[in-house]
Amino acid sequence: MAIRISHGVRGSRSSLTIANLGQHLAHTLTSSEWREISYLFDGRFADIALIPPREAGRIGDLMEKAAGTRSMSPEWGELAAELADAAHRAARAGQNWEWS
């Protein structure tokens, strides 16, 4: 299944890619930080996840933090940074961040 993410994420990502990114995020964030965003990476949301702007901003902050750590591989860090940028764009625009 392909997942499209709004606000500037290029193309779509496979659910496997999203799940794998989640594993990398889980190992770079604190456990409480990971719990805040883990629902996006467990494959449980239905067809569409609409993330409110404030929550998108927080998710963007956490992904940006993880992307900048030395323990995050460059490839996964690049994807995390791309998602962080999209989350921040949605938050700044006051729009829901959509994963479908």
Protein backbone atom coordinates (compact mmCIF):
# COMPACT_ATOMS: atom_id res chain seq x y z
CA MET A 1 0.00 0.00 0.00
CA ALA A 2 1.30 3.43 -0.91
CA ILE A 3 0.95 6.32 1.51
CA ARG A 4 0.74 9.89 0.26
CA ILE A 5 1.65 12.64 2.70
CA SER A 6 0.57 16.23 2.14
CA HIS A 7 2.39 19.54 2.27
CA GLY A 8 5.34 18.86 0.03
CA VAL A 9 6.37 15.23 0.49
CA ARG A 10 7.56 14.07 -2.92
CA GLY A 11 5.63 11.10 -4.28
CA SER A 12 4.24 8.36 -2.09
CA ARG A 13 5.94 5.96 0.31
CA SER A 14 5.18 2.31 0.82
CA SER A 15 3.72 1.27 4.14
CA LEU A 16 6.87 -0.83 4.64
CA THR A 17 9.06 2.26 4.20
CA ILE A 18 6.93 4.16 6.72
CA ALA A 19 7.11 1.25 9.18
CA ASN A 20 10.89 1.03 8.77
CA LEU A 21 11.26 4.77 9.36
CA GLY A 22 9.21 4.28 12.50
CA GLN A 23 11.70 1.72 13.76
CA HIS A 24 14.54 4.17 13.25
CA LEU A 25 12.60 6.93 14.99
CA ALA A 26 11.83 4.62 17.90
CA HIS A 27 15.54 4.08 18.44
CA THR A 28 16.49 7.77 18.28
CA LEU A 29 13.68 9.43 20.26
CA THR A 30 13.00 9.03 23.96
CA SER A 31 10.26 6.57 24.81
CA SER A 32 7.80 9.33 25.71
CA GLU A 33 8.54 11.17 22.46
CA TRP A 34 8.12 7.96 20.47
CA ARG A 35 4.73 7.28 22.09
CA GLU A 36 3.52 10.66 20.81
CA ILE A 37 4.02 9.68 17.17
CA SER A 38 4.07 5.87 17.10
CA TYR A 39 0.47 5.66 15.85
CA LEU A 40 1.61 6.96 12.45
CA PHE A 41 4.02 4.08 12.01
CA ASP A 42 2.09 1.06 13.26
CA GLY A 43 -0.17 0.72 10.21
CA ARG A 44 -3.34 1.05 12.29
CA PHE A 45 -4.80 4.25 10.91
CA ALA A 46 -7.57 3.61 8.40
CA ASP A 47 -7.50 5.16 4.96
CA ILE A 48 -6.74 8.73 5.98
CA ALA A 49 -5.04 10.31 8.97
CA LEU A 50 -5.80 13.98 9.45
CA ILE A 51 -3.37 15.51 11.90
CA PRO A 52 -4.35 18.89 13.37
CA PRO A 53 -1.88 21.76 12.84
CA ARG A 54 -0.62 21.95 16.42
CA GLU A 55 0.00 18.20 16.53
CA ALA A 56 1.67 18.35 13.12
CA GLY A 57 4.06 20.98 14.46
CA ARG A 58 4.99 18.78 17.41
CA ILE A 59 5.49 15.76 15.14
CA GLY A 60 7.65 17.91 12.88
CA ASP A 61 9.78 18.94 15.85
CA LEU A 62 10.28 15.33 16.92
CA MET A 63 11.13 14.12 13.42
CA GLU A 64 13.54 17.01 12.95
CA LYS A 65 15.21 16.13 16.24
CA ALA A 66 15.55 12.47 15.24
CA ALA A 67 16.82 13.35 11.75
CA GLY A 68 19.63 15.40 13.27
CA THR A 69 20.98 12.71 15.59
CA ARG A 70 24.19 10.85 14.84
CA SER A 71 22.45 7.53 15.42
CA MET A 72 20.07 8.11 12.50
CA SER A 73 21.47 6.84 9.21
CA PRO A 74 21.67 9.51 6.48
CA GLU A 75 19.06 7.82 4.27
CA TRP A 76 16.45 7.58 7.02
CA GLY A 77 17.44 10.98 8.38
CA GLU A 78 16.72 12.51 4.98
CA LEU A 79 13.24 10.99 4.93
CA ALA A 80 12.56 12.07 8.51
CA ALA A 81 13.68 15.61 7.64
CA GLU A 82 11.43 15.68 4.57
CA LEU A 83 8.44 14.63 6.70
CA ALA A 84 9.39 17.14 9.40
CA ASP A 85 9.42 19.93 6.81
CA ALA A 86 5.98 18.90 5.54
CA ALA A 87 4.59 18.75 9.07
CA HIS A 88 5.93 22.22 9.83
CA ARG A 89 4.45 23.57 6.57
CA ALA A 90 1.02 22.22 7.54
CA ALA A 91 1.33 23.67 11.04
CA ARG A 92 2.40 27.11 9.78
CA ALA A 93 -0.49 27.13 7.29
CA GLY A 94 -2.97 26.18 10.02
CA GLN A 95 -4.03 23.15 7.97
CA ASN A 96 -4.45 19.49 8.79
CA TRP A 97 -1.51 17.35 7.75
CA GLU A 98 -2.90 14.46 5.72
CA TRP A 99 -1.60 10.90 5.37
CA SER A 100 -3.69 8.87 2.92
